[in-house]
PDB file of all heavy atoms in Angstrom:
ATOM      1  N   VAL A   1      33.650 142.538  65.726  1.00  0.00           N
ATOM      2  CA  VAL A   1      32.362 141.870  65.826  1.00  0.00           C
ATOM      3  C   VAL A   1      31.376 142.418  64.822  1.00  0.00           C
ATOM      4  O   VAL A   1      31.335 143.710  64.620  1.00  0.00           O
ATOM      5  CB  VAL A   1      31.730 142.035  67.221  1.00  0.00           C
ATOM      6  CG1 VAL A   1      30.410 141.351  67.322  1.00  0.00           C
ATOM      7  CG2 VAL A   1      32.724 141.539  68.297  1.00  0.00           C
ATOM      8  N   ARG A   2      30.609 141.558  64.154  1.00  0.00           N
ATOM      9  CA  ARG A   2      29.737 141.982  63.117  1.00  0.00           C
ATOM     10  C   ARG A   2      28.334 142.441  63.729  1.00  0.00           C
ATOM     11  O   ARG A   2      28.189 142.257  64.932  1.00  0.00           O
ATOM     12  CB  ARG A   2      29.395 140.893  62.071  1.00  0.00           C
ATOM     13  CG  ARG A   2      30.662 140.223  61.490  1.00  0.00           C
ATOM     14  CD  ARG A   2      31.375 141.151  60.645  1.00  0.00           C
ATOM     15  NE  ARG A   2      30.658 141.529  59.438  1.00  0.00           N
ATOM     16  CZ  ARG A   2      31.098 142.373  58.510  1.00  0.00           C
ATOM     17  NH1 ARG A   2      32.314 142.967  58.630  1.00  0.00           N
ATOM     18  NH2 ARG A   2      30.410 142.556  57.353  1.00  0.00           N
ATOM     19  N   LYS A   3      27.416 142.948  62.929  1.00  0.00           N
ATOM     20  CA  LYS A   3      26.111 143.446  63.416  1.00  0.00           C
ATOM     21  C   LYS A   3      25.357 142.292  64.013  1.00  0.00           C
ATOM     22  O   LYS A   3      25.507 141.083  63.692  1.00  0.00           O
ATOM     23  CB  LYS A   3      25.325 144.011  62.320  1.00  0.00           C
ATOM     24  CG  LYS A   3      25.831 145.376  61.749  1.00  0.00           C
ATOM     25  CD  LYS A   3      24.834 145.889  60.671  1.00  0.00           C
ATOM     26  CE  LYS A   3      25.235 147.282  60.203  1.00  0.00           C
ATOM     27  NZ  LYS A   3      26.323 147.282  59.289  1.00  0.00           N
ATOM     28  N   LEU A   4      24.417 142.640  64.949  1.00  0.00           N
ATOM     29  CA  LEU A   4      23.465 141.667  65.448  1.00  0.00           C
ATOM     30  C   LEU A   4      22.651 141.183  64.273  1.00  0.00           C
ATOM     31  O   LEU A   4      22.113 141.955  63.446  1.00  0.00           O
ATOM     32  CB  LEU A   4      22.644 142.267  66.459  1.00  0.00           C
ATOM     33  CG  LEU A   4      23.177 142.683  67.847  1.00  0.00           C
ATOM     34  CD1 LEU A   4      22.111 143.292  68.766  1.00  0.00           C
ATOM     35  CD2 LEU A   4      23.822 141.481  68.525  1.00  0.00           C
ATOM     36  N   GLY A   5      22.414 139.876  64.198  1.00  0.00           N
ATOM     37  CA  GLY A   5      21.599 139.261  63.187  1.00  0.00           C
ATOM     38  C   GLY A   5      22.401 138.651  62.088  1.00  0.00           C
ATOM     39  O   GLY A   5      21.849 137.868  61.284  1.00  0.00           O
ATOM     40  N   MET A   6      23.686 138.968  61.971  1.00  0.00           N
ATOM     41  CA  MET A   6      24.522 138.381  60.933  1.00  0.00           C
ATOM     42  C   MET A   6      25.169 137.116  61.469  1.00  0.00           C
ATOM     43  O   MET A   6      25.492 137.007  62.629  1.00  0.00           O
ATOM     44  CB  MET A   6      25.649 139.367  60.536  1.00  0.00           C
ATOM     45  CG  MET A   6      25.176 140.633  59.852  1.00  0.00           C
ATOM     46  SD  MET A   6      26.440 141.703  59.250  1.00  0.00           S
ATOM     47  CE  MET A   6      27.097 140.694  57.893  1.00  0.00           C
ATOM     48  N   SER A   7      25.317 136.189  60.593  1.00  0.00           N
ATOM     49  CA  SER A   7      25.744 134.790  61.066  1.00  0.00           C
ATOM     50  C   SER A   7      27.113 134.851  61.677  1.00  0.00           C
ATOM     51  O   SER A   7      27.448 134.043  62.475  1.00  0.00           O
ATOM     52  CB  SER A   7      25.714 133.863  59.894  1.00  0.00           C
ATOM     53  OG  SER A   7      26.501 134.346  58.789  1.00  0.00           O
ATOM     54  N   ALA A   8      27.956 135.816  61.213  1.00  0.00           N
ATOM     55  CA  ALA A   8      29.294 135.827  61.677  1.00  0.00           C
ATOM     56  C   ALA A   8      29.368 136.490  63.141  1.00  0.00           C
ATOM     57  O   ALA A   8      30.449 136.501  63.761  1.00  0.00           O
ATOM     58  CB  ALA A   8      30.275 136.661  60.783  1.00  0.00           C
ATOM     59  N   ALA A   9      28.260 137.067  63.588  1.00  0.00           N
ATOM     60  CA  ALA A   9      28.306 137.823  64.877  1.00  0.00           C
ATOM     61  C   ALA A   9      28.516 136.965  66.012  1.00  0.00           C
ATOM     62  O   ALA A   9      28.986 137.390  67.071  1.00  0.00           O
ATOM     63  CB  ALA A   9      27.057 138.677  65.074  1.00  0.00           C
ATOM     64  N   SER A  10      28.260 135.670  66.010  1.00  0.00           N
ATOM     65  CA  SER A  10      28.408 134.778  67.152  1.00  0.00           C
ATOM     66  C   SER A  10      29.728 134.056  67.177  1.00  0.00           C
ATOM     67  O   SER A  10      29.890 133.110  67.926  1.00  0.00           O
ATOM     68  CB  SER A  10      27.265 133.687  67.143  1.00  0.00           C
ATOM     69  OG  SER A  10      27.289 132.982  65.947  1.00  0.00           O
ATOM     70  N   GLY A  11      30.715 134.543  66.397  1.00  0.00           N
ATOM     71  CA  GLY A  11      31.977 133.930  66.504  1.00  0.00           C
ATOM     72  C   GLY A  11      32.732 134.363  67.793  1.00  0.00           C
ATOM     73  O   GLY A  11      32.133 134.474  68.781  1.00  0.00           O
ATOM     74  N   THR A  12      34.042 134.472  67.654  1.00  0.00           N
ATOM     75  CA  THR A  12      34.824 134.889  68.835  1.00  0.00           C
ATOM     76  C   THR A  12      34.470 136.317  69.256  1.00  0.00           C
ATOM     77  O   THR A  12      34.519 137.217  68.496  1.00  0.00           O
ATOM     78  CB  THR A  12      36.332 134.800  68.468  1.00  0.00           C
ATOM     79  OG1 THR A  12      36.674 133.524  68.075  1.00  0.00           O
ATOM     80  CG2 THR A  12      37.128 135.215  69.702  1.00  0.00           C
ATOM     81  N   ILE A  13      33.970 136.403  70.543  1.00  0.00           N
ATOM     82  CA  ILE A  13      33.603 137.690  71.056  1.00  0.00           C
ATOM     83  C   ILE A  13      34.735 138.322  71.818  1.00  0.00           C
ATOM     84  O   ILE A  13      35.304 137.688  72.686  1.00  0.00           O
ATOM     85  CB  ILE A  13      32.367 137.541  72.022  1.00  0.00           C
ATOM     86  CG1 ILE A  13      31.187 136.831  71.324  1.00  0.00           C
ATOM     87  CG2 ILE A  13      31.900 138.943  72.551  1.00  0.00           C
ATOM     88  CD1 ILE A  13      30.675 137.472  70.057  1.00  0.00           C
ATOM     89  N   TYR A  14      35.163 139.460  71.384  1.00  0.00           N
ATOM     90  CA  TYR A  14      36.295 140.179  71.957  1.00  0.00           C
ATOM     91  C   TYR A  14      35.719 141.258  72.882  1.00  0.00           C
ATOM     92  O   TYR A  14      35.057 142.243  72.388  1.00  0.00           O
ATOM     93  CB  TYR A  14      37.146 140.723  70.883  1.00  0.00           C
ATOM     94  CG  TYR A  14      38.330 141.671  71.381  1.00  0.00           C
ATOM     95  CD1 TYR A  14      39.057 141.229  72.404  1.00  0.00           C
ATOM     96  CD2 TYR A  14      38.589 142.801  70.654  1.00  0.00           C
ATOM     97  CE1 TYR A  14      40.133 142.031  72.867  1.00  0.00           C
ATOM     98  CE2 TYR A  14      39.642 143.649  71.073  1.00  0.00           C
ATOM     99  CZ  TYR A  14      40.444 143.192  72.207  1.00  0.00           C
ATOM    100  OH  TYR A  14      41.380 144.023  72.570  1.00  0.00           O
ATOM    101  N   ILE A  15      35.946 141.173  74.197  1.00  0.00           N
ATOM    102  CA  ILE A  15      35.491 142.213  75.128  1.00  0.00           C
ATOM    103  C   ILE A  15      36.614 143.297  75.187  1.00  0.00           C
ATOM    104  O   ILE A  15      37.694 143.008  75.719  1.00  0.00           O
ATOM    105  CB  ILE A  15      35.198 141.599  76.492  1.00  0.00           C
ATOM    106  CG1 ILE A  15      34.164 140.437  76.379  1.00  0.00           C
ATOM    107  CG2 ILE A  15      34.698 142.710  77.460  1.00  0.00           C
ATOM    108  CD1 ILE A  15      32.856 140.908  75.834  1.00  0.00           C
ATOM    109  N   ARG A  16      36.336 144.418  74.840  1.00  0.00           N
ATOM    110  CA  ARG A  16      37.294 145.547  74.833  1.00  0.00           C
ATOM    111  C   ARG A  16      37.190 146.181  76.280  1.00  0.00           C
ATOM    112  O   ARG A  16      36.083 146.181  76.925  1.00  0.00           O
ATOM    113  CB  ARG A  16      36.993 146.682  73.828  1.00  0.00           C
ATOM    114  CG  ARG A  16      37.018 146.185  72.431  1.00  0.00           C
ATOM    115  CD  ARG A  16      36.595 147.307  71.494  1.00  0.00           C
ATOM    116  NE  ARG A  16      36.525 146.914  70.092  1.00  0.00           N
ATOM    117  CZ  ARG A  16      37.384 147.215  69.215  1.00  0.00           C
ATOM    118  NH1 ARG A  16      38.480 147.861  69.486  1.00  0.00           N
ATOM    119  NH2 ARG A  16      37.202 146.858  67.934  1.00  0.00           N
ATOM    120  N   ILE A  17      38.281 146.639  76.790  1.00  0.00           N
ATOM    121  CA  ILE A  17      38.286 147.360  78.043  1.00  0.00           C
ATOM    122  C   ILE A  17      38.958 148.687  77.869  1.00  0.00           C
ATOM    123  O   ILE A  17      39.911 148.822  77.017  1.00  0.00           O
ATOM    124  CB  ILE A  17      38.917 146.588  79.190  1.00  0.00           C
ATOM    125  CG1 ILE A  17      40.407 146.299  78.924  1.00  0.00           C
ATOM    126  CG2 ILE A  17      38.179 145.286  79.471  1.00  0.00           C
ATOM    127  CD1 ILE A  17      41.146 145.732  80.154  1.00  0.00           C
ATOM    128  N   PHE A  18      38.531 149.669  78.633  1.00  0.00           N
ATOM    129  CA  PHE A  18      39.185 150.986  78.605  1.00  0.00           C
ATOM    130  C   PHE A  18      38.999 151.667  79.905  1.00  0.00           C
ATOM    131  O   PHE A  18      37.874 151.647  80.494  1.00  0.00           O
ATOM    132  CB  PHE A  18      38.563 151.870  77.466  1.00  0.00           C
ATOM    133  CG  PHE A  18      39.275 153.147  77.250  1.00  0.00           C
ATOM    134  CD1 PHE A  18      40.392 153.189  76.469  1.00  0.00           C
ATOM    135  CD2 PHE A  18      38.848 154.287  77.941  1.00  0.00           C
ATOM    136  CE1 PHE A  18      41.051 154.420  76.249  1.00  0.00           C
ATOM    137  CE2 PHE A  18      39.519 155.548  77.743  1.00  0.00           C
ATOM    138  CZ  PHE A  18      40.624 155.565  76.858  1.00  0.00           C
ATOM    139  N   GLU A  19      40.075 152.225  80.443  1.00  0.00           N
ATOM    140  CA  GLU A  19      40.038 152.753  81.823  1.00  0.00           C
ATOM    141  C   GLU A  19      39.705 154.271  81.703  1.00  0.00           C
ATOM    142  O   GLU A  19      40.533 155.049  81.169  1.00  0.00           O
ATOM    143  CB  GLU A  19      41.325 152.600  82.550  1.00  0.00           C
ATOM    144  CG  GLU A  19      41.335 153.006  83.960  1.00  0.00           C
ATOM    145  CD  GLU A  19      42.584 152.669  84.755  1.00  0.00           C
ATOM    146  OE1 GLU A  19      43.493 152.137  84.118  1.00  0.00           O
ATOM    147  OE2 GLU A  19      42.654 152.956  85.936  1.00  0.00           O
ATOM    148  N   LEU A  20      38.526 154.663  82.195  1.00  0.00           N
ATOM    149  CA  LEU A  20      38.174 156.081  82.165  1.00  0.00           C
ATOM    150  C   LEU A  20      38.837 156.759  83.384  1.00  0.00           C
ATOM    151  O   LEU A  20      38.963 156.238  84.534  1.00  0.00           O
ATOM    152  CB  LEU A  20      36.769 156.209  82.328  1.00  0.00           C
ATOM    153  CG  LEU A  20      35.833 155.688  81.153  1.00  0.00           C
ATOM    154  CD1 LEU A  20      34.340 155.752  81.442  1.00  0.00           C
ATOM    155  CD2 LEU A  20      36.173 156.375  79.856  1.00  0.00           C
ATOM    156  N   LYS A  21      39.347 157.979  83.097  1.00  0.00           N
ATOM    157  CA  LYS A  21      40.016 158.733  84.170  1.00  0.00           C
ATOM    158  C   LYS A  21      38.973 159.814  84.599  1.00  0.00           C
ATOM    159  O   LYS A  21      38.056 160.180  83.922  1.00  0.00           O
ATOM    160  CB  LYS A  21      41.290 159.382  83.673  1.00  0.00           C
ATOM    161  CG  LYS A  21      42.315 158.392  83.307  1.00  0.00           C
ATOM    162  CD  LYS A  21      43.618 159.024  82.865  1.00  0.00           C
ATOM    163  CE  LYS A  21      44.710 158.068  82.553  1.00  0.00           C
ATOM    164  NZ  LYS A  21      45.992 158.679  82.049  1.00  0.00           N
ATOM    165  N   PRO A  22      39.161 160.414  85.860  1.00  0.00           N
ATOM    166  CA  PRO A  22      38.239 161.460  86.332  1.00  0.00           C
ATOM    167  C   PRO A  22      38.195 162.633  85.290  1.00  0.00           C
ATOM    168  O   PRO A  22      39.206 163.064  84.786  1.00  0.00           O
ATOM    169  CB  PRO A  22      38.966 161.872  87.601  1.00  0.00           C
ATOM    170  CG  PRO A  22      39.691 160.718  88.059  1.00  0.00           C
ATOM    171  CD  PRO A  22      40.167 160.007  86.849  1.00  0.00           C
ATOM    172  N   GLY A  23      36.924 163.000  84.988  1.00  0.00           N
ATOM    173  CA  GLY A  23      36.715 164.055  84.023  1.00  0.00           C
ATOM    174  C   GLY A  23      36.534 163.567  82.574  1.00  0.00           C
ATOM    175  O   GLY A  23      36.160 164.354  81.697  1.00  0.00           O
ATOM    176  N   ASP A  24      36.809 162.234  82.328  1.00  0.00           N
ATOM    177  CA  ASP A  24      36.685 161.774  80.977  1.00  0.00           C
ATOM    178  C   ASP A  24      35.210 161.813  80.524  1.00  0.00           C
ATOM    179  O   ASP A  24      34.313 161.530  81.316  1.00  0.00           O
ATOM    180  CB  ASP A  24      37.204 160.313  80.878  1.00  0.00           C
ATOM    181  CG  ASP A  24      38.761 160.308  80.742  1.00  0.00           C
ATOM    182  OD1 ASP A  24      39.364 161.406  80.639  1.00  0.00           O
ATOM    183  OD2 ASP A  24      39.306 159.286  80.735  1.00  0.00           O
ATOM    184  N   MET A  25      34.974 161.899  79.262  1.00  0.00           N
ATOM    185  CA  MET A  25      33.613 161.780  78.652  1.00  0.00           C
ATOM    186  C   MET A  25      33.784 160.686  77.526  1.00  0.00           C
ATOM    187  O   MET A  25      34.622 160.797  76.608  1.00  0.00           O
ATOM    188  CB  MET A  25      33.092 163.066  78.024  1.00  0.00           C
ATOM    189  CG  MET A  25      33.004 164.219  79.036  1.00  0.00           C
ATOM    190  SD  MET A  25      32.367 165.635  78.169  1.00  0.00           S
ATOM    191  CE  MET A  25      32.665 166.917  79.420  1.00  0.00           C
ATOM    192  N   LEU A  26      32.858 159.761  77.541  1.00  0.00           N
ATOM    193  CA  LEU A  26      32.829 158.722  76.502  1.00  0.00           C
ATOM    194  C   LEU A  26      31.540 159.032  75.746  1.00  0.00           C
ATOM    195  O   LEU A  26      30.439 159.118  76.265  1.00  0.00           O
ATOM    196  CB  LEU A  26      32.703 157.345  77.097  1.00  0.00           C
ATOM    197  CG  LEU A  26      32.556 156.215  76.042  1.00  0.00           C
ATOM    198  CD1 LEU A  26      33.736 155.943  75.230  1.00  0.00           C
ATOM    199  CD2 LEU A  26      32.094 154.904  76.754  1.00  0.00           C
ATOM    200  N   ILE A  27      31.664 159.206  74.390  1.00  0.00           N
ATOM    201  CA  ILE A  27      30.512 159.599  73.587  1.00  0.00           C
ATOM    202  C   ILE A  27      30.365 158.532  72.490  1.00  0.00           C
ATOM    203  O   ILE A  27      31.264 158.281  71.713  1.00  0.00           O
ATOM    204  CB  ILE A  27      30.721 160.927  73.014  1.00  0.00           C
ATOM    205  CG1 ILE A  27      30.904 162.041  73.998  1.00  0.00           C
ATOM    206  CG2 ILE A  27      29.520 161.326  72.019  1.00  0.00           C
ATOM    207  CD1 ILE A  27      31.195 163.407  73.489  1.00  0.00           C
ATOM    208  N   CYS A  28      29.188 157.928  72.437  1.00  0.00           N
ATOM    209  CA  CYS A  28      28.862 156.916  71.438  1.00  0.00           C
ATOM    210  C   CYS A  28      27.694 157.520  70.535  1.00  0.00           C
ATOM    211  O   CYS A  28      26.790 158.180  71.067  1.00  0.00           O
ATOM    212  CB  CYS A  28      28.407 155.617  72.079  1.00  0.00           C
ATOM    213  SG  CYS A  28      29.480 154.886  73.141  1.00  0.00           S
ATOM    214  N   GLY A  29      27.770 157.246  69.263  1.00  0.00           N
ATOM    215  CA  GLY A  29      26.778 157.810  68.409  1.00  0.00           C
ATOM    216  C   GLY A  29      26.503 156.946  67.212  1.00  0.00           C
ATOM    217  O   GLY A  29      27.298 156.081  66.867  1.00  0.00           O
ATOM    218  N   SER A  30      25.295 157.114  66.614  1.00  0.00           N
ATOM    219  CA  SER A  30      24.847 156.384  65.461  1.00  0.00           C
ATOM    220  C   SER A  30      25.442 156.930  64.155  1.00  0.00           C
ATOM    221  O   SER A  30      26.149 157.953  64.144  1.00  0.00           O
ATOM    222  CB  SER A  30      23.394 156.255  65.408  1.00  0.00           C
ATOM    223  OG  SER A  30      22.846 157.550  65.173  1.00  0.00           O
ATOM    224  N   ASP A  31      25.081 156.344  63.064  1.00  0.00           N
ATOM    225  CA  ASP A  31      25.607 156.758  61.753  1.00  0.00           C
ATOM    226  C   ASP A  31      25.199 158.213  61.416  1.00  0.00           C
ATOM    227  O   ASP A  31      25.883 158.855  60.553  1.00  0.00           O
ATOM    228  CB  ASP A  31      25.033 155.922  60.573  1.00  0.00           C
ATOM    229  CG  ASP A  31      25.706 154.472  60.604  1.00  0.00           C
ATOM    230  OD1 ASP A  31      26.821 154.420  61.118  1.00  0.00           O
ATOM    231  OD2 ASP A  31      25.106 153.538  60.102  1.00  0.00           O
ATOM    232  N   GLY A  32      24.150 158.713  62.002  1.00  0.00           N
ATOM    233  CA  GLY A  32      23.681 160.062  61.688  1.00  0.00           C
ATOM    234  C   GLY A  32      24.664 161.092  61.942  1.00  0.00           C
ATOM    235  O   GLY A  32      24.655 162.207  61.344  1.00  0.00           O
TER     236      GLY A  32
END
C-alpha cells in the first residue's frame, strides 16, 4: 500500500494479520 494522499493508495487494500503470543512486543517506528 502506498502513502496516504497518493493516487495509488486507494487500490487493492491488503489487510495483514499477525498472531501475537504472550510476552510478544510489537514496535512500530518512523523514519527517524
